[in-house]
Protein backbone atom coordinates (compact mmCIF):
# COMPACT_ATOMS: atom_id res chain seq x y z
CA MET A 1 -32.05 -37.16 -18.41
CA THR A 2 -34.78 -35.78 -16.62
CA SER A 3 -34.32 -32.43 -15.02
CA ALA A 4 -34.75 -33.59 -11.91
CA LYS A 5 -31.83 -35.81 -11.84
CA LYS A 6 -29.89 -32.93 -13.72
CA LYS A 7 -30.59 -31.27 -10.30
CA LYS A 8 -29.88 -33.99 -7.96
CA ILE A 9 -26.27 -35.06 -9.93
CA ALA A 10 -25.35 -30.81 -9.72
CA THR A 11 -25.91 -30.99 -6.05
CA TRP A 12 -23.94 -33.57 -4.90
CA ILE A 13 -21.43 -31.88 -7.53
CA ILE A 14 -21.85 -28.42 -6.25
CA VAL A 15 -22.11 -28.65 -2.37
CA PRO A 16 -19.38 -31.42 -1.61
CA LEU A 17 -17.27 -28.94 -3.72
CA MET A 18 -18.46 -25.84 -1.39
CA LEU A 19 -17.62 -27.61 1.61
CA LEU A 20 -14.16 -28.48 0.78
CA ILE A 21 -13.47 -24.38 0.17
CA PHE A 22 -14.98 -23.48 2.96
CA LEU A 23 -13.24 -26.20 5.41
CA TRP A 24 -9.35 -24.74 2.90
CA ASP A 25 -10.41 -21.60 4.12
CA ILE A 26 -10.70 -22.55 7.30
CA ALA A 27 -7.51 -24.15 7.26
CA SER A 28 -5.66 -20.84 5.50
CA VAL A 29 -7.28 -18.59 8.68
CA VAL A 30 -5.66 -21.40 11.44
CA LEU A 31 -2.14 -21.53 9.49
CA GLY A 32 -2.32 -17.75 8.91
CA ASN A 33 -2.56 -17.26 12.60
CA VAL A 34 0.19 -20.00 13.28
CA TYR A 35 2.40 -18.04 10.58
CA THR A 36 1.92 -14.58 12.02
CA SER A 37 2.08 -15.77 15.59
CA ARG A 38 5.35 -16.45 15.48
CA VAL A 39 6.10 -12.98 14.47
CA THR A 40 6.61 -10.21 17.92
CA VAL A 41 4.48 -7.83 17.35
CA THR A 42 3.68 -5.28 20.37
CA PRO A 43 1.63 -2.25 20.67
CA GLU A 44 3.68 1.09 19.49
CA LEU A 45 4.36 3.52 22.69
CA PHE A 46 6.18 6.28 20.42
CA ASP A 47 9.33 6.48 22.95
CA GLY A 48 12.03 7.54 20.79
CA THR A 49 13.63 4.66 20.89
CA GLN A 50 13.46 3.54 16.78
CA SER A 51 14.20 6.67 14.22
CA ASP A 52 14.34 4.61 10.68
CA ARG A 53 10.84 3.28 10.27
CA ILE A 54 7.72 2.84 7.97
CA HIS A 55 4.80 3.39 9.22
CA PHE A 56 0.90 2.14 7.72
CA LEU A 57 -1.51 4.05 8.54
CA ASN A 58 -5.09 2.26 9.60
CA THR A 59 -7.36 4.30 6.63
CA ALA A 60 -9.27 0.65 6.23
CA ASN A 61 -8.82 -0.52 2.32
CA SER A 62 -6.67 2.66 1.03
CA ASP A 63 -2.95 3.72 1.52
CA ALA A 64 -1.23 6.50 3.60
CA ILE A 65 2.47 5.04 4.37
CA LEU A 66 5.09 7.36 6.07
CA LEU A 67 9.00 7.16 5.71
CA GLU A 68 10.54 8.18 8.63
CA SER A 69 14.91 8.32 9.13
CA ASP A 70 16.74 10.46 11.27
CA GLY A 71 14.76 13.03 11.25
CA HIS A 72 13.48 13.02 7.65
CA PHE A 73 9.81 12.14 6.69
CA ALA A 74 7.90 11.36 3.49
CA LEU A 75 4.46 10.55 2.69
CA VAL A 76 3.74 7.53 -0.02
CA ASP A 77 0.39 8.08 -0.73
CA SER A 78 -2.39 9.91 1.17
CA GLY A 79 -5.38 7.41 2.65
CA GLU A 80 -8.64 7.86 0.63
CA GLY A 81 -10.46 10.83 1.03
CA SER A 82 -14.48 11.91 1.57
CA PHE A 83 -15.07 12.85 -2.51
CA ASN A 84 -14.06 9.75 -4.00
CA PRO A 85 -16.13 10.30 -7.40
CA ARG A 86 -16.46 5.91 -7.08
CA ARG A 87 -18.43 6.17 -4.19
CA LYS A 88 -22.74 7.18 -5.07
CA GLY A 89 -23.50 7.81 -1.47
CA LYS A 90 -21.60 10.04 1.46
CA TYR A 91 -18.45 8.92 2.88
CA GLN A 92 -16.18 9.76 5.28
CA GLY A 93 -12.91 10.12 3.98
CA PHE A 94 -9.56 9.92 6.23
CA GLU A 95 -7.95 13.22 6.40
CA THR A 96 -8.84 13.59 9.60
CA VAL A 97 -6.74 10.22 10.69
CA VAL A 98 -3.51 11.19 8.08
CA ILE A 99 -3.42 15.26 9.18
CA ASP A 100 -3.77 14.11 12.97
CA TYR A 101 -1.09 11.03 12.69
CA LEU A 102 1.08 13.71 10.98
CA LYS A 103 1.06 16.07 13.15
CA LYS A 104 1.39 13.50 15.83
CA VAL A 105 4.64 11.44 14.44
CA ALA A 106 6.07 14.21 12.38
CA ARG A 107 5.92 17.71 13.95
CA ALA A 108 9.16 19.62 14.33
CA ALA A 109 10.08 21.63 16.83
CA ASP A 110 9.24 24.68 14.79
CA GLY A 111 5.47 23.18 15.53
CA LYS A 112 5.29 22.66 11.48
CA VAL A 113 5.34 19.45 10.14
CA HIS A 114 8.14 19.11 7.29
CA LEU A 115 8.03 16.24 4.72
CA ASP A 116 10.91 16.04 2.15
CA PHE A 117 8.98 14.44 -0.48
CA ILE A 118 5.34 13.01 -1.01
CA LEU A 119 4.64 10.53 -3.69
CA GLY A 120 1.53 9.73 -5.73
CA THR A 121 1.62 6.55 -6.45
CA HIS A 122 -1.02 6.57 -9.23
CA ASN A 123 -4.28 8.49 -9.52
CA HIS A 124 -6.88 6.07 -7.46
CA TYR A 125 -8.81 8.03 -4.74
CA ASP A 126 -7.92 5.56 -2.55
CA HIS A 127 -4.11 6.67 -2.91
CA VAL A 128 -4.26 10.27 -3.51
CA GLY A 129 -7.50 11.09 -2.14
CA CYS A 130 -6.32 13.20 1.25
CA PHE A 131 -3.62 14.97 -0.58
CA HIS A 132 -6.06 17.78 -1.69
CA THR A 133 -6.78 18.29 2.09
CA ILE A 134 -3.14 18.02 3.41
CA LEU A 135 -1.91 20.02 0.66
CA GLN A 136 -4.34 23.08 1.97
CA ASP A 137 -3.06 22.49 6.00
CA GLU A 138 -0.83 25.41 6.40
CA ASP A 139 1.13 23.91 8.96
CA ILE A 140 2.15 20.66 6.92
CA LEU A 141 5.12 22.11 4.82
CA VAL A 142 6.44 19.50 1.46
CA ASP A 143 9.23 20.40 -0.59
CA THR A 144 9.20 17.58 -3.41
CA ALA A 145 5.98 15.93 -5.06
CA TYR A 146 6.55 13.00 -6.96
CA PHE A 147 3.52 12.63 -9.40
CA LYS A 148 4.24 11.04 -12.68
CA PRO A 149 2.26 12.52 -15.77
CA TYR A 150 -1.08 11.73 -16.08
CA GLU A 151 -1.61 9.00 -19.32
CA PRO A 152 -5.24 8.53 -20.03
CA ALA A 153 -4.41 6.03 -22.34
CA VAL A 154 -3.19 3.83 -19.72
CA ASP A 155 -6.49 3.90 -17.85
CA LYS A 156 -9.52 1.57 -18.84
CA SER A 157 -13.30 3.10 -19.98
CA LEU A 158 -14.10 2.58 -16.25
CA ASP A 159 -11.15 4.62 -14.73
CA ARG A 160 -12.12 7.58 -16.93
CA ARG A 161 -15.75 7.84 -16.12
CA TRP A 162 -14.34 8.35 -12.29
CA GLY A 163 -12.76 11.36 -13.32
CA LEU A 164 -8.97 10.90 -12.25
CA ASP A 165 -8.07 13.76 -14.52
CA LYS A 166 -9.46 16.51 -12.50
CA ILE A 167 -7.88 14.69 -9.57
CA TYR A 168 -4.94 14.56 -11.33
CA ALA A 169 -5.21 18.49 -12.04
CA GLN A 170 -6.71 19.37 -8.40
CA ILE A 171 -3.14 17.78 -7.15
CA LEU A 172 -1.22 20.05 -9.24
CA ASP A 173 -3.39 22.94 -8.77
CA ASP A 174 -2.81 22.15 -5.14
CA LEU A 175 1.09 22.39 -5.43
CA ARG A 176 1.20 25.21 -7.44
CA ALA A 177 -1.04 27.61 -4.70
CA ARG A 178 1.88 26.59 -2.31
CA ASN A 179 4.70 27.13 -4.59
CA ILE A 180 5.63 23.43 -3.89
CA SER A 181 8.54 21.70 -6.25
CA LEU A 182 6.68 19.46 -8.79
CA VAL A 183 8.93 16.24 -10.32
CA GLN A 184 7.12 14.49 -12.97
CA ASP A 185 10.64 12.94 -14.16
CA LEU A 186 10.77 10.45 -11.34
CA PRO A 187 14.13 9.73 -10.17
CA THR A 188 15.13 6.17 -11.80
CA GLN A 189 18.39 5.83 -9.39
CA PRO A 190 18.73 5.10 -5.66
CA PHE A 191 18.65 8.11 -3.27
CA ALA A 192 19.36 8.73 0.06
CA PHE A 193 16.56 9.93 2.56
CA GLY A 194 17.80 9.43 5.92
CA SER A 195 19.67 6.16 6.98
CA PHE A 196 17.39 4.62 4.11
CA THR A 197 17.85 3.75 0.50
CA VAL A 198 14.69 4.49 -1.57
CA GLN A 199 14.31 3.71 -5.20
CA PHE A 200 11.37 4.00 -7.74
CA PHE A 201 10.34 1.39 -9.68
CA ASN A 202 7.63 1.78 -12.89
CA THR A 203 8.51 5.70 -13.12
CA VAL A 204 7.70 5.52 -16.76
CA THR A 205 4.29 3.16 -17.84
CA PRO A 206 5.26 0.52 -20.09
CA ARG A 207 3.38 1.11 -23.26
CA GLU A 208 2.28 -2.56 -23.49
CA LEU A 209 0.35 -1.64 -20.56
CA TYR A 210 -1.75 1.04 -21.75
CA GLY A 211 -5.36 0.19 -21.97
CA ARG A 212 -4.83 -1.94 -19.00
CA GLY A 213 -5.94 0.47 -16.33
CA GLU A 214 -4.77 2.96 -13.86
CA ASN A 215 -2.76 0.27 -11.33
CA ALA A 216 -0.44 -0.66 -14.20
CA ALA A 217 0.66 3.18 -13.51
CA SER A 218 1.56 2.17 -9.86
CA VAL A 219 4.87 3.24 -8.54
CA GLY A 220 7.08 0.97 -6.63
CA VAL A 221 9.32 1.83 -3.65
CA LYS A 222 11.68 -0.32 -2.27
CA VAL A 223 13.31 1.13 0.94
CA THR A 224 16.26 -0.02 2.32
CA LYS A 225 18.65 0.01 5.30
CA GLY A 226 21.82 -1.93 5.63
CA LYS A 227 21.11 -5.71 4.88
CA ARG A 228 17.35 -5.11 5.54
CA SER A 229 14.97 -3.98 2.38
CA ALA A 230 10.99 -3.78 2.31
CA PHE A 231 8.97 -2.80 -1.10
CA LEU A 232 6.05 -0.62 -0.97
CA ALA A 233 3.76 -2.42 -4.28
CA ALA A 234 1.58 0.38 -4.52
CA ASP A 235 -1.45 -1.93 -7.15
CA ILE A 236 1.11 -3.43 -8.81
CA THR A 237 -0.58 -6.79 -9.73
CA ARG A 238 -0.61 -9.75 -11.62
CA SER A 239 -3.72 -8.61 -13.95
CA THR A 240 -2.07 -5.81 -15.34
CA GLY A 241 1.11 -7.81 -16.17
CA LEU A 242 3.62 -5.43 -14.37
CA THR A 243 4.69 -8.19 -11.46
CA ASP A 244 6.44 -10.05 -14.52
CA ILE A 245 7.87 -6.95 -15.48
CA LEU A 246 9.57 -5.68 -12.26
CA GLU A 247 10.10 -8.85 -10.15
CA ASP A 248 13.36 -9.53 -11.58
CA GLN A 249 14.13 -5.39 -11.06
CA ILE A 250 13.33 -5.42 -7.66
CA GLY A 251 15.27 -8.34 -5.97
CA HIS A 252 14.69 -9.63 -2.86
CA VAL A 253 12.81 -7.54 0.61
CA ASP A 254 12.25 -8.46 3.36
CA VAL A 255 9.03 -6.54 3.88
CA LEU A 256 6.31 -6.52 1.48
CA LYS A 257 3.10 -4.56 1.28
CA ILE A 258 1.02 -6.23 -0.45
CA GLY A 259 -0.28 -4.81 -4.20
CA HIS A 260 -3.55 -3.70 -4.03
CA HIS A 261 -4.81 -4.59 -0.75
CA GLY A 262 -4.82 -8.48 -1.59
CA TYR A 263 -7.82 -7.85 -3.87
CA TYR A 264 -8.14 -10.58 -6.68
CA GLY A 265 -4.70 -10.67 -9.41
CA SER A 266 -2.88 -8.63 -6.43
CA GLY A 267 0.66 -11.35 -7.04
CA SER A 268 1.74 -14.10 -8.58
CA PHE A 269 4.01 -17.09 -7.16
CA SER A 270 6.33 -15.87 -9.19
CA TRP A 271 6.21 -12.70 -7.70
CA TYR A 272 6.33 -13.92 -4.07
CA ARG A 273 9.33 -16.61 -4.97
CA LYS A 274 11.07 -13.98 -6.83
CA LEU A 275 10.98 -11.02 -3.95
CA SER A 276 10.69 -14.11 -1.27
CA PRO A 277 9.47 -11.73 1.61
CA GLN A 278 9.39 -12.62 5.71
CA ILE A 279 6.55 -10.49 6.36
CA ALA A 280 3.11 -9.16 4.24
CA ILE A 281 1.51 -6.71 5.07
CA VAL A 282 -1.68 -5.43 3.31
CA THR A 283 -3.82 -2.29 3.81
CA ASN A 284 -7.07 -3.29 4.27
CA ARG A 285 -9.32 -6.14 6.79
CA LEU A 286 -8.38 -10.07 6.22
CA GLY A 287 -11.69 -10.61 5.44
CA LYS A 288 -11.49 -8.26 2.38
CA ILE A 289 -8.23 -10.59 0.83
CA TYR A 290 -9.73 -12.15 -1.82
CA PRO A 291 -9.59 -16.10 -1.33
CA ASN A 292 -6.69 -17.19 -3.84
CA GLU A 293 -4.87 -14.69 -3.10
CA LYS A 294 -5.08 -15.83 1.22
CA TRP A 295 -4.35 -18.87 -0.09
CA MET A 296 -1.34 -18.43 -2.27
CA LEU A 297 -0.11 -15.84 0.58
CA ILE A 298 -0.58 -18.64 3.52
CA PHE A 299 -0.75 -21.77 1.90
CA TRP A 300 2.66 -21.40 -0.59
CA ALA A 301 4.48 -18.13 0.37
CA LYS A 302 3.83 -19.30 3.84
CA LEU A 303 3.92 -15.64 4.79
CA PRO A 304 3.23 -13.97 8.65
CA LEU A 305 -0.08 -11.45 7.39
CA LEU A 306 -0.32 -8.09 9.14
CA ALA A 307 -3.27 -6.47 8.57
CA THR A 308 -3.41 -2.95 9.26
CA VAL A 309 -7.06 -2.32 9.96
CA GLU A 310 -7.00 -5.55 12.50
CA ASN A 311 -3.90 -4.08 13.61
CA ASP A 312 -4.87 -0.48 13.46
CA GLY A 313 -1.79 0.42 11.75
CA VAL A 314 1.62 -1.23 11.63
CA ILE A 315 5.02 0.23 12.38
CA VAL A 316 8.06 -1.48 10.43
CA SER A 317 11.14 -0.37 12.22
CA PHE A 318 15.19 -1.40 10.39
CA THR A 319 17.15 -1.10 13.97
CA ASP A 320 20.95 -0.55 13.16
CA ALA A 321 22.10 -4.51 13.96
CA ASP A 322 20.00 -5.32 10.75
CA GLU A 323 16.80 -6.22 12.62
CA LEU A 324 12.90 -5.37 12.04
CA VAL A 325 10.73 -4.73 15.23
CA LEU A 326 7.28 -4.42 14.48
CA THR A 327 4.19 -2.37 16.16
CA ASN A 328 0.74 -1.96 15.85
CA HIS A 329 -2.16 0.15 17.64
CA ILE A 330 0.11 3.45 16.33
CA HIS A 331 -3.20 5.18 15.79
CA GLY A 332 -3.93 4.96 20.17
CA GLY A 333 -0.13 5.61 21.44
CA ASP A 334 0.90 9.08 21.96
CA ALA A 335 3.68 10.67 20.78
């Protein structure tokens, strides 16, 4: 067979395949919009009618999640900071965005922000990068900091080149400077947080996941009120094997914060089937979700998918009647 004929055959195979993928992706967008349109989402007014809420801040493709219940506040991850060692060029982090939001929403009568606890789910900079600046702010008071011990053996060589040990050490120095209680032996049992019940998962990284990368160390958080619950999946992924370990432990949830921002290896058929969420939230923009992950979420799990970037942040409120209320555009409202 001549070279020209081989190229012609390859063209006849590749072009239809690319067209099919293109049409499939368009169909996923259309169907995804249909699913999402079935969920009522209105702009957040901060009118004080809801007190049990999970705030998913808009920090691009990074996590900063504020828990609020009965006047208590806690921060799960902090968003990406300005000095990410992964980035070669200058980058504007989200320190100001997160701190301004905390002071808008969580400021007490004394003018201070009181956080019952902060949690760093793992040591990637897009999750803990703003903690250094937050902990420098004397108007933000923290009672307890939950950070697992950093385990270099968990990481891949790429993680180690990113200087995760230095990031972790800096945070511990900041906590000591503020005399903030550090808990490295994370609680395994559920505990009360206002009207919420909070439970941490993957409090100790399984040894069989050592060497699979820092995402394998991710701490997941289940938040429950009455009959409703949400799971904040940090960077828990199937590619590390962590979803297989945790899916039976977590059980059903109503809201799922997608692991690893919807990137490759985020979830699995088994993961979505066993958690069976009604709503998915991704801390990213929709266009950055990997196609196979998006197709799994839409064609198989059939989930309404809310992205924090397009929505400029999302709040999930838990009512006393076991209902969920969704609001967005949370950075533009007045507290």
